[in-house]
Amino acid sequence: MTFFKNLWNDESGASAAEYALILAIVGTGIAVASWTLGGAIGNAIGNAANCIQDSSGADAQPASC
């Protein structure tokens, strides 16, 4: 019975589990941020390309450019 009590009270592996949990949370945050930033950059480049194409044949640029 004392073996189970000692096993229950043993916290030597807790730090590794905590580090793994922190790593998973930080990794998820980085992945979500990069996904969002990638989409924003893609939209900005697409808008710039549209402005370049629209302004090459017209005299006045659209209001969004």
C-alpha atoms as a PDB file:
ATOM      1  CA  MET A   1       0.000   0.000   0.000  1.00  0.00           C
ATOM      2  CA  THR A   2       2.875   2.390   0.685  1.00  0.00           C
ATOM      3  CA  PHE A   3       4.083   1.814  -2.878  1.00  0.00           C
ATOM      4  CA  PHE A   4       0.842   3.268  -4.232  1.00  0.00           C
ATOM      5  CA  LYS A   5       0.991   6.192  -1.800  1.00  0.00           C
ATOM      6  CA  ASN A   6       4.532   6.976  -2.897  1.00  0.00           C
ATOM      7  CA  LEU A   7       3.578   6.632  -6.550  1.00  0.00           C
ATOM      8  CA  TRP A   8       0.572   8.929  -6.055  1.00  0.00           C
ATOM      9  CA  ASN A   9       2.681  11.594  -4.288  1.00  0.00           C
ATOM     10  CA  ASP A  10       5.583  11.417  -6.767  1.00  0.00           C
ATOM     11  CA  GLU A  11       5.729  14.649  -8.797  1.00  0.00           C
ATOM     12  CA  SER A  12       9.058  14.184 -10.554  1.00  0.00           C
ATOM     13  CA  GLY A  13       7.462  13.876 -13.999  1.00  0.00           C
ATOM     14  CA  ALA A  14       5.179  16.866 -13.557  1.00  0.00           C
ATOM     15  CA  SER A  15       7.676  19.385 -14.883  1.00  0.00           C
ATOM     16  CA  ALA A  16       8.097  17.545 -18.194  1.00  0.00           C
ATOM     17  CA  ALA A  17       4.333  17.388 -18.661  1.00  0.00           C
ATOM     18  CA  GLU A  18       4.004  21.074 -17.865  1.00  0.00           C
ATOM     19  CA  TYR A  19       6.707  21.979 -20.378  1.00  0.00           C
ATOM     20  CA  ALA A  20       4.979  19.872 -23.034  1.00  0.00           C
ATOM     21  CA  LEU A  21       1.672  21.624 -22.339  1.00  0.00           C
ATOM     22  CA  ILE A  22       3.289  25.067 -22.549  1.00  0.00           C
ATOM     23  CA  LEU A  23       5.022  24.084 -25.778  1.00  0.00           C
ATOM     24  CA  ALA A  24       1.731  22.901 -27.280  1.00  0.00           C
ATOM     25  CA  ILE A  25      -0.053  26.131 -26.338  1.00  0.00           C
ATOM     26  CA  VAL A  26       2.732  28.365 -27.657  1.00  0.00           C
ATOM     27  CA  GLY A  27       3.026  26.295 -30.829  1.00  0.00           C
ATOM     28  CA  THR A  28      -0.690  26.573 -31.471  1.00  0.00           C
ATOM     29  CA  GLY A  29      -0.551  30.329 -30.952  1.00  0.00           C
ATOM     30  CA  ILE A  30       2.320  30.675 -33.416  1.00  0.00           C
ATOM     31  CA  ALA A  31       0.510  28.536 -35.990  1.00  0.00           C
ATOM     32  CA  VAL A  32      -2.703  30.570 -35.720  1.00  0.00           C
ATOM     33  CA  ALA A  33      -0.806  33.865 -35.894  1.00  0.00           C
ATOM     34  CA  SER A  34       1.169  32.797 -38.962  1.00  0.00           C
ATOM     35  CA  TRP A  35      -2.003  31.543 -40.684  1.00  0.00           C
ATOM     36  CA  THR A  36      -3.735  34.875 -40.054  1.00  0.00           C
ATOM     37  CA  LEU A  37      -0.703  36.938 -41.029  1.00  0.00           C
ATOM     38  CA  GLY A  38      -0.247  34.898 -44.197  1.00  0.00           C
ATOM     39  CA  GLY A  39      -3.829  35.582 -45.217  1.00  0.00           C
ATOM     40  CA  ALA A  40      -3.465  39.298 -44.556  1.00  0.00           C
ATOM     41  CA  ILE A  41      -0.251  39.480 -46.583  1.00  0.00           C
ATOM     42  CA  GLY A  42      -1.862  37.539 -49.435  1.00  0.00           C
ATOM     43  CA  ASN A  43      -4.818  39.943 -49.494  1.00  0.00           C
ATOM     44  CA  ALA A  44      -2.521  42.975 -49.475  1.00  0.00           C
ATOM     45  CA  ILE A  45      -0.457  41.631 -52.365  1.00  0.00           C
ATOM     46  CA  GLY A  46      -3.627  40.804 -54.302  1.00  0.00           C
ATOM     47  CA  ASN A  47      -4.985  44.324 -53.758  1.00  0.00           C
ATOM     48  CA  ALA A  48      -1.683  45.844 -54.882  1.00  0.00           C
ATOM     49  CA  ALA A  49      -1.658  43.675 -58.003  1.00  0.00           C
ATOM     50  CA  ASN A  50      -5.227  44.722 -58.819  1.00  0.00           C
ATOM     51  CA  CYS A  51      -4.295  48.396 -58.436  1.00  0.00           C
ATOM     52  CA  ILE A  52      -1.309  47.958 -60.742  1.00  0.00           C
ATOM     53  CA  GLN A  53      -3.397  46.188 -63.377  1.00  0.00           C
ATOM     54  CA  ASP A  54      -6.269  48.691 -63.131  1.00  0.00           C
ATOM     55  CA  SER A  55      -4.043  51.747 -63.346  1.00  0.00           C
ATOM     56  CA  SER A  56      -2.007  50.572 -66.346  1.00  0.00           C
ATOM     57  CA  GLY A  57      -4.745  51.365 -68.877  1.00  0.00           C
ATOM     58  CA  ALA A  58      -6.765  54.076 -67.117  1.00  0.00           C
ATOM     59  CA  ASP A  59      -6.023  57.714 -66.466  1.00  0.00           C
ATOM     60  CA  ALA A  60      -7.482  57.844 -62.943  1.00  0.00           C
ATOM     61  CA  GLN A  61      -6.741  55.355 -60.176  1.00  0.00           C
ATOM     62  CA  PRO A  62      -9.590  53.752 -58.222  1.00  0.00           C
ATOM     63  CA  ALA A  63     -10.339  55.113 -54.748  1.00  0.00           C
ATOM     64  CA  SER A  64      -9.110  51.898 -53.085  1.00  0.00           C
ATOM     65  CA  CYS A  65      -5.575  52.344 -54.427  1.00  0.00           C
END
